[in-house]
Amino acid sequence: MGIKGKFLVSYNDCPEIREIWDDPNINIEEISRLNNLAQRYEGGCQYAELLISNYDTTQRVGTIDQLSFFPA
């Protein structure tokens, strides 16, 4: 918790992980994504995931253009 920079961790959504990162200075964002392993048997299967950070990940949304190797 004493890191001097920003961090972002992606992890499975489970009670143990939520307990480990339970701190007022930590942001936990719930997301879901396709479960690549289950796609073979169940198309569209979603996977619960957590984005854990020490900053507000929504602050930068839309403020930075995607970088490209190809000039416009």
N, C-alpha and C. Protein backbone atom coordinates (compact mmCIF):
# COMPACT_ATOMS: atom_id res chain seq x y z
N MET A 1 0.82 -1.20 0.00
CA MET A 1 0.00 0.00 0.00
C MET A 1 0.86 1.26 0.00
N GLY A 2 2.16 1.12 0.18
CA GLY A 2 3.03 2.28 0.23
C GLY A 2 3.68 2.63 -1.10
N ILE A 3 3.15 2.13 -2.20
CA ILE A 3 3.73 2.40 -3.52
C ILE A 3 3.72 3.90 -3.81
N LYS A 4 4.74 4.39 -4.52
CA LYS A 4 4.86 5.82 -4.82
C LYS A 4 4.38 6.16 -6.22
N GLY A 5 3.79 5.23 -6.91
CA GLY A 5 3.26 5.46 -8.25
C GLY A 5 1.86 4.91 -8.34
N LYS A 6 1.36 4.89 -9.55
CA LYS A 6 0.03 4.34 -9.78
C LYS A 6 0.16 2.87 -10.15
N PHE A 7 -0.86 2.08 -9.75
CA PHE A 7 -0.88 0.68 -10.15
C PHE A 7 -2.29 0.27 -10.55
N LEU A 8 -2.36 -0.74 -11.39
CA LEU A 8 -3.62 -1.33 -11.82
C LEU A 8 -3.42 -2.84 -11.87
N VAL A 9 -4.27 -3.56 -11.14
CA VAL A 9 -4.20 -5.02 -11.08
C VAL A 9 -5.53 -5.58 -11.56
N SER A 10 -5.48 -6.61 -12.37
CA SER A 10 -6.68 -7.32 -12.81
C SER A 10 -6.68 -8.68 -12.12
N TYR A 11 -7.84 -9.04 -11.53
CA TYR A 11 -7.90 -10.31 -10.82
C TYR A 11 -9.31 -10.86 -10.85
N ASN A 12 -9.45 -12.15 -10.56
CA ASN A 12 -10.76 -12.79 -10.46
C ASN A 12 -11.59 -12.12 -9.38
N ASP A 13 -12.89 -12.03 -9.60
CA ASP A 13 -13.78 -11.47 -8.59
C ASP A 13 -14.17 -12.58 -7.61
N CYS A 14 -13.57 -12.54 -6.43
CA CYS A 14 -13.91 -13.50 -5.38
C CYS A 14 -13.76 -12.81 -4.02
N PRO A 15 -14.44 -13.31 -3.00
CA PRO A 15 -14.43 -12.67 -1.68
C PRO A 15 -13.03 -12.50 -1.09
N GLU A 16 -12.15 -13.48 -1.31
CA GLU A 16 -10.80 -13.40 -0.74
C GLU A 16 -10.01 -12.22 -1.32
N ILE A 17 -10.14 -12.00 -2.62
CA ILE A 17 -9.43 -10.88 -3.25
C ILE A 17 -10.00 -9.56 -2.77
N ARG A 18 -11.31 -9.47 -2.65
CA ARG A 18 -11.93 -8.24 -2.15
C ARG A 18 -11.46 -7.93 -0.72
N GLU A 19 -11.31 -8.97 0.08
CA GLU A 19 -10.85 -8.80 1.46
C GLU A 19 -9.40 -8.32 1.52
N ILE A 20 -8.55 -8.90 0.68
CA ILE A 20 -7.14 -8.51 0.64
C ILE A 20 -6.99 -7.03 0.31
N TRP A 21 -7.79 -6.54 -0.66
CA TRP A 21 -7.66 -5.17 -1.15
C TRP A 21 -8.64 -4.21 -0.49
N ASP A 22 -9.27 -4.61 0.61
CA ASP A 22 -10.22 -3.75 1.31
C ASP A 22 -9.48 -2.64 2.04
N ASP A 23 -9.40 -1.48 1.39
CA ASP A 23 -8.68 -0.33 1.94
C ASP A 23 -9.32 0.94 1.36
N PRO A 24 -9.48 1.99 2.15
CA PRO A 24 -10.13 3.20 1.64
C PRO A 24 -9.37 3.88 0.49
N ASN A 25 -8.09 3.62 0.34
CA ASN A 25 -7.31 4.25 -0.73
C ASN A 25 -7.26 3.41 -2.01
N ILE A 26 -7.99 2.30 -2.03
CA ILE A 26 -7.99 1.39 -3.17
C ILE A 26 -9.35 1.43 -3.86
N ASN A 27 -9.32 1.57 -5.19
CA ASN A 27 -10.54 1.54 -5.99
C ASN A 27 -10.70 0.15 -6.60
N ILE A 28 -11.90 -0.39 -6.49
CA ILE A 28 -12.20 -1.69 -7.09
C ILE A 28 -13.35 -1.49 -8.06
N GLU A 29 -13.07 -1.81 -9.31
CA GLU A 29 -14.07 -1.67 -10.37
C GLU A 29 -14.45 -3.07 -10.87
N GLU A 30 -15.74 -3.37 -10.86
CA GLU A 30 -16.23 -4.66 -11.33
C GLU A 30 -16.47 -4.59 -12.83
N ILE A 31 -15.93 -5.56 -13.54
CA ILE A 31 -16.17 -5.65 -14.98
C ILE A 31 -16.47 -7.10 -15.33
N SER A 32 -16.93 -7.33 -16.54
CA SER A 32 -17.07 -8.70 -17.02
C SER A 32 -16.52 -8.74 -18.44
N ARG A 33 -16.04 -9.89 -18.79
CA ARG A 33 -15.47 -10.07 -20.13
C ARG A 33 -15.79 -11.48 -20.58
N LEU A 34 -15.56 -11.74 -21.85
CA LEU A 34 -15.78 -13.09 -22.35
C LEU A 34 -14.81 -14.06 -21.70
N ASN A 35 -15.31 -15.21 -21.33
CA ASN A 35 -14.48 -16.26 -20.78
C ASN A 35 -13.95 -17.10 -21.94
N ASN A 36 -12.72 -16.86 -22.33
CA ASN A 36 -12.14 -17.52 -23.50
C ASN A 36 -12.12 -19.04 -23.38
N LEU A 37 -11.90 -19.56 -22.20
CA LEU A 37 -11.86 -21.01 -22.02
C LEU A 37 -13.24 -21.64 -22.21
N ALA A 38 -14.27 -20.97 -21.76
CA ALA A 38 -15.62 -21.52 -21.83
C ALA A 38 -16.28 -21.31 -23.19
N GLN A 39 -15.71 -20.49 -24.05
CA GLN A 39 -16.30 -20.20 -25.35
C GLN A 39 -16.48 -21.47 -26.19
N ARG A 40 -15.63 -22.43 -26.00
CA ARG A 40 -15.72 -23.67 -26.76
C ARG A 40 -17.03 -24.40 -26.46
N TYR A 41 -17.51 -24.32 -25.22
CA TYR A 41 -18.69 -25.07 -24.80
C TYR A 41 -19.94 -24.22 -24.64
N GLU A 42 -19.74 -22.96 -24.32
CA GLU A 42 -20.87 -22.09 -24.03
C GLU A 42 -20.59 -20.70 -24.60
N GLY A 43 -21.03 -20.44 -25.81
CA GLY A 43 -20.78 -19.16 -26.46
C GLY A 43 -21.34 -17.99 -25.66
N GLY A 44 -20.58 -16.93 -25.56
CA GLY A 44 -21.01 -15.72 -24.85
C GLY A 44 -20.86 -15.78 -23.35
N CYS A 45 -20.24 -16.82 -22.82
CA CYS A 45 -20.05 -16.97 -21.37
C CYS A 45 -19.21 -15.80 -20.85
N GLN A 46 -19.70 -15.15 -19.81
CA GLN A 46 -19.01 -14.00 -19.23
C GLN A 46 -18.22 -14.43 -17.99
N TYR A 47 -17.20 -13.64 -17.68
CA TYR A 47 -16.28 -13.93 -16.58
C TYR A 47 -16.20 -12.67 -15.71
N ALA A 48 -16.46 -12.80 -14.42
CA ALA A 48 -16.40 -11.66 -13.50
C ALA A 48 -14.94 -11.36 -13.16
N GLU A 49 -14.57 -10.09 -13.29
CA GLU A 49 -13.19 -9.68 -13.05
C GLU A 49 -13.19 -8.36 -12.28
N LEU A 50 -12.12 -8.11 -11.56
CA LEU A 50 -11.96 -6.85 -10.82
C LEU A 50 -10.75 -6.09 -11.35
N LEU A 51 -10.91 -4.79 -11.50
CA LEU A 51 -9.77 -3.91 -11.76
C LEU A 51 -9.51 -3.19 -10.45
N ILE A 52 -8.32 -3.38 -9.92
CA ILE A 52 -7.95 -2.85 -8.60
C ILE A 52 -6.85 -1.82 -8.82
N SER A 53 -7.05 -0.61 -8.31
CA SER A 53 -6.07 0.46 -8.53
C SER A 53 -6.01 1.39 -7.34
N ASN A 54 -4.97 2.23 -7.34
CA ASN A 54 -4.85 3.24 -6.31
C ASN A 54 -5.18 4.63 -6.87
N TYR A 55 -5.94 4.67 -7.95
CA TYR A 55 -6.38 5.92 -8.56
C TYR A 55 -7.73 5.69 -9.23
N ASP A 56 -8.42 6.77 -9.55
CA ASP A 56 -9.72 6.68 -10.20
C ASP A 56 -9.51 6.43 -11.69
N THR A 57 -9.79 5.23 -12.14
CA THR A 57 -9.56 4.87 -13.54
C THR A 57 -10.50 5.58 -14.50
N THR A 58 -11.59 6.14 -14.01
CA THR A 58 -12.55 6.82 -14.88
C THR A 58 -12.14 8.25 -15.20
N GLN A 59 -11.18 8.82 -14.50
CA GLN A 59 -10.77 10.21 -14.72
C GLN A 59 -10.18 10.43 -16.10
N ARG A 60 -9.50 9.45 -16.66
CA ARG A 60 -8.79 9.63 -17.93
C ARG A 60 -9.59 9.17 -19.15
N VAL A 61 -10.77 8.61 -18.92
CA VAL A 61 -11.57 8.11 -20.03
C VAL A 61 -11.88 9.26 -21.00
N GLY A 62 -11.50 9.08 -22.24
CA GLY A 62 -11.80 10.08 -23.27
C GLY A 62 -10.84 11.24 -23.33
N THR A 63 -9.83 11.29 -22.46
CA THR A 63 -8.92 12.42 -22.47
C THR A 63 -7.65 12.14 -23.26
N ILE A 64 -7.37 10.89 -23.54
CA ILE A 64 -6.15 10.53 -24.25
C ILE A 64 -6.52 9.81 -25.54
N ASP A 65 -5.98 10.28 -26.63
CA ASP A 65 -6.18 9.60 -27.90
C ASP A 65 -5.32 8.35 -27.94
N GLN A 66 -5.78 7.36 -28.63
CA GLN A 66 -5.01 6.13 -28.78
C GLN A 66 -3.76 6.43 -29.60
N LEU A 67 -2.63 5.92 -29.16
CA LEU A 67 -1.40 6.08 -29.90
C LEU A 67 -1.39 5.16 -31.10
N SER A 68 -0.72 5.56 -32.16
CA SER A 68 -0.69 4.76 -33.36
C SER A 68 0.70 4.81 -33.99
N PHE A 69 1.10 3.72 -34.60
CA PHE A 69 2.36 3.70 -35.34
C PHE A 69 2.21 4.33 -36.72
N PHE A 70 0.96 4.50 -37.12
CA PHE A 70 0.70 5.00 -38.47
C PHE A 70 0.17 6.43 -38.40
N PRO A 71 0.85 7.39 -38.99
CA PRO A 71 0.39 8.78 -38.95
C PRO A 71 -0.95 8.93 -39.67
N ALA A 72 -1.74 9.83 -39.17
CA ALA A 72 -3.08 10.06 -39.76
C ALA A 72 -2.97 10.82 -41.05
